[in-house]
Amino acid sequence: MGLHNEVKNNTVVVSSLQIAEHFGKEHRSVLKSIKDLLLNIEELHNFEHTPKMFYV
C-alpha cells in the first residue's frame, strides 16, 4: 500500500487519513500530532518575535 500524493504549488501533498492508513495509526492520533506540530511551530515563531530581556 503506497501513499497517493499529488503536487500542488511545488509541494507534495498527502492526506492525514492516508498517513494514518499507511503507518497503521488511528486517524485521530495523526490529527493530534499534526495539531501539536502546528502549535509548536506557532510557539517558536512567537518566541522569535518577542523582545528578549536579559538581566545581569
N, C-alpha and C. Protein backbone atom coordinates (compact mmCIF):
# COMPACT_ATOMS: atom_id res chain seq x y z
N MET A 1 0.85 -1.18 0.00
CA MET A 1 0.00 0.00 0.00
C MET A 1 0.89 1.24 0.00
N GLY A 2 0.85 2.01 -1.06
CA GLY A 2 1.64 3.22 -1.14
C GLY A 2 0.79 4.45 -0.90
N LEU A 3 1.47 5.53 -0.63
CA LEU A 3 0.76 6.79 -0.44
C LEU A 3 0.42 7.38 -1.80
N HIS A 4 -0.78 7.88 -1.94
CA HIS A 4 -1.20 8.53 -3.17
C HIS A 4 -1.13 10.03 -2.94
N ASN A 5 -0.01 10.60 -3.38
CA ASN A 5 0.18 12.02 -3.16
C ASN A 5 0.04 12.77 -4.47
N GLU A 6 -0.01 14.07 -4.33
CA GLU A 6 -0.06 14.93 -5.50
C GLU A 6 0.81 16.14 -5.23
N VAL A 7 1.12 16.87 -6.26
CA VAL A 7 1.95 18.07 -6.12
C VAL A 7 1.08 19.29 -6.38
N LYS A 8 1.10 20.21 -5.40
CA LYS A 8 0.39 21.48 -5.53
C LYS A 8 1.37 22.59 -5.21
N ASN A 9 1.53 23.51 -6.12
CA ASN A 9 2.45 24.64 -5.92
C ASN A 9 3.84 24.15 -5.51
N ASN A 10 4.35 23.15 -6.22
CA ASN A 10 5.68 22.58 -5.97
C ASN A 10 5.83 21.97 -4.59
N THR A 11 4.72 21.55 -3.97
CA THR A 11 4.75 20.92 -2.66
C THR A 11 4.00 19.59 -2.74
N VAL A 12 4.62 18.52 -2.24
CA VAL A 12 3.97 17.22 -2.22
C VAL A 12 2.90 17.24 -1.12
N VAL A 13 1.69 16.82 -1.48
CA VAL A 13 0.56 16.85 -0.55
C VAL A 13 0.00 15.44 -0.42
N VAL A 14 -0.28 15.04 0.83
CA VAL A 14 -0.91 13.75 1.12
C VAL A 14 -1.87 13.98 2.29
N SER A 15 -2.97 13.26 2.33
CA SER A 15 -3.96 13.48 3.38
C SER A 15 -3.55 12.82 4.69
N SER A 16 -4.08 13.36 5.77
CA SER A 16 -3.80 12.78 7.09
C SER A 16 -4.39 11.37 7.18
N LEU A 17 -5.49 11.13 6.52
CA LEU A 17 -6.09 9.80 6.51
C LEU A 17 -5.17 8.79 5.82
N GLN A 18 -4.56 9.20 4.72
CA GLN A 18 -3.61 8.33 4.03
C GLN A 18 -2.39 8.04 4.91
N ILE A 19 -1.92 9.05 5.63
CA ILE A 19 -0.77 8.86 6.53
C ILE A 19 -1.15 7.83 7.61
N ALA A 20 -2.33 8.00 8.21
CA ALA A 20 -2.77 7.07 9.26
C ALA A 20 -2.84 5.64 8.72
N GLU A 21 -3.44 5.47 7.57
CA GLU A 21 -3.57 4.13 6.99
C GLU A 21 -2.21 3.53 6.66
N HIS A 22 -1.34 4.34 6.08
CA HIS A 22 -0.01 3.85 5.66
C HIS A 22 0.82 3.37 6.85
N PHE A 23 0.76 4.12 7.97
CA PHE A 23 1.58 3.79 9.13
C PHE A 23 0.83 2.99 10.19
N GLY A 24 -0.43 2.60 9.90
CA GLY A 24 -1.19 1.78 10.83
C GLY A 24 -1.54 2.50 12.12
N LYS A 25 -1.83 3.78 12.03
CA LYS A 25 -2.19 4.59 13.20
C LYS A 25 -3.65 4.99 13.13
N GLU A 26 -4.21 5.37 14.27
CA GLU A 26 -5.56 5.90 14.28
C GLU A 26 -5.54 7.31 13.70
N HIS A 27 -6.55 7.63 12.91
CA HIS A 27 -6.60 8.94 12.27
C HIS A 27 -6.59 10.06 13.30
N ARG A 28 -7.31 9.88 14.40
CA ARG A 28 -7.35 10.94 15.42
C ARG A 28 -5.97 11.17 16.03
N SER A 29 -5.14 10.12 16.12
CA SER A 29 -3.78 10.29 16.63
C SER A 29 -2.92 11.10 15.67
N VAL A 30 -3.09 10.84 14.39
CA VAL A 30 -2.36 11.61 13.38
C VAL A 30 -2.80 13.07 13.42
N LEU A 31 -4.10 13.31 13.53
CA LEU A 31 -4.60 14.69 13.61
C LEU A 31 -4.05 15.40 14.84
N LYS A 32 -3.98 14.70 15.98
CA LYS A 32 -3.44 15.31 17.19
C LYS A 32 -1.96 15.64 17.00
N SER A 33 -1.22 14.75 16.38
CA SER A 33 0.21 15.01 16.13
C SER A 33 0.40 16.23 15.23
N ILE A 34 -0.43 16.33 14.21
CA ILE A 34 -0.35 17.49 13.31
C ILE A 34 -0.66 18.77 14.08
N LYS A 35 -1.71 18.73 14.89
CA LYS A 35 -2.09 19.90 15.69
C LYS A 35 -0.95 20.30 16.63
N ASP A 36 -0.35 19.32 17.30
CA ASP A 36 0.76 19.59 18.21
C ASP A 36 1.95 20.21 17.48
N LEU A 37 2.26 19.69 16.29
CA LEU A 37 3.36 20.25 15.50
C LEU A 37 3.08 21.70 15.12
N LEU A 38 1.85 21.98 14.70
CA LEU A 38 1.49 23.34 14.33
C LEU A 38 1.58 24.28 15.52
N LEU A 39 1.14 23.82 16.69
CA LEU A 39 1.24 24.65 17.90
C LEU A 39 2.70 24.92 18.26
N ASN A 40 3.56 23.91 18.12
CA ASN A 40 4.99 24.09 18.39
C ASN A 40 5.61 25.10 17.44
N ILE A 41 5.24 25.04 16.17
CA ILE A 41 5.75 25.99 15.19
C ILE A 41 5.30 27.40 15.55
N GLU A 42 4.02 27.53 15.93
CA GLU A 42 3.49 28.84 16.30
C GLU A 42 4.22 29.39 17.54
N GLU A 43 4.46 28.53 18.53
CA GLU A 43 5.17 28.96 19.74
C GLU A 43 6.58 29.41 19.40
N LEU A 44 7.28 28.68 18.54
CA LEU A 44 8.63 29.08 18.14
C LEU A 44 8.61 30.42 17.41
N HIS A 45 7.64 30.59 16.54
CA HIS A 45 7.52 31.84 15.79
C HIS A 45 7.27 33.00 16.75
N ASN A 46 6.37 32.81 17.71
CA ASN A 46 6.09 33.86 18.69
C ASN A 46 7.30 34.16 19.55
N PHE A 47 8.06 33.13 19.93
CA PHE A 47 9.24 33.32 20.75
C PHE A 47 10.30 34.12 19.99
N GLU A 48 10.47 33.81 18.72
CA GLU A 48 11.48 34.51 17.91
C GLU A 48 11.15 35.98 17.72
N HIS A 49 9.87 36.34 17.82
CA HIS A 49 9.44 37.72 17.59
C HIS A 49 9.07 38.44 18.88
N THR A 50 9.52 37.89 20.00
CA THR A 50 9.25 38.50 21.30
C THR A 50 10.53 39.19 21.75
N PRO A 51 10.42 40.46 22.18
CA PRO A 51 11.62 41.13 22.69
C PRO A 51 12.17 40.36 23.89
N LYS A 52 13.49 40.19 23.92
CA LYS A 52 14.13 39.44 25.00
C LYS A 52 14.76 40.43 25.99
N MET A 53 14.62 40.13 27.27
CA MET A 53 15.24 40.93 28.30
C MET A 53 16.21 40.03 29.06
N PHE A 54 17.42 40.50 29.20
CA PHE A 54 18.43 39.74 29.93
C PHE A 54 18.88 40.56 31.13
N TYR A 55 18.92 39.92 32.26
CA TYR A 55 19.35 40.59 33.48
C TYR A 55 20.75 40.11 33.84
N VAL A 56 21.57 41.05 34.23
CA VAL A 56 22.94 40.71 34.62
C VAL A 56 23.13 41.00 36.08
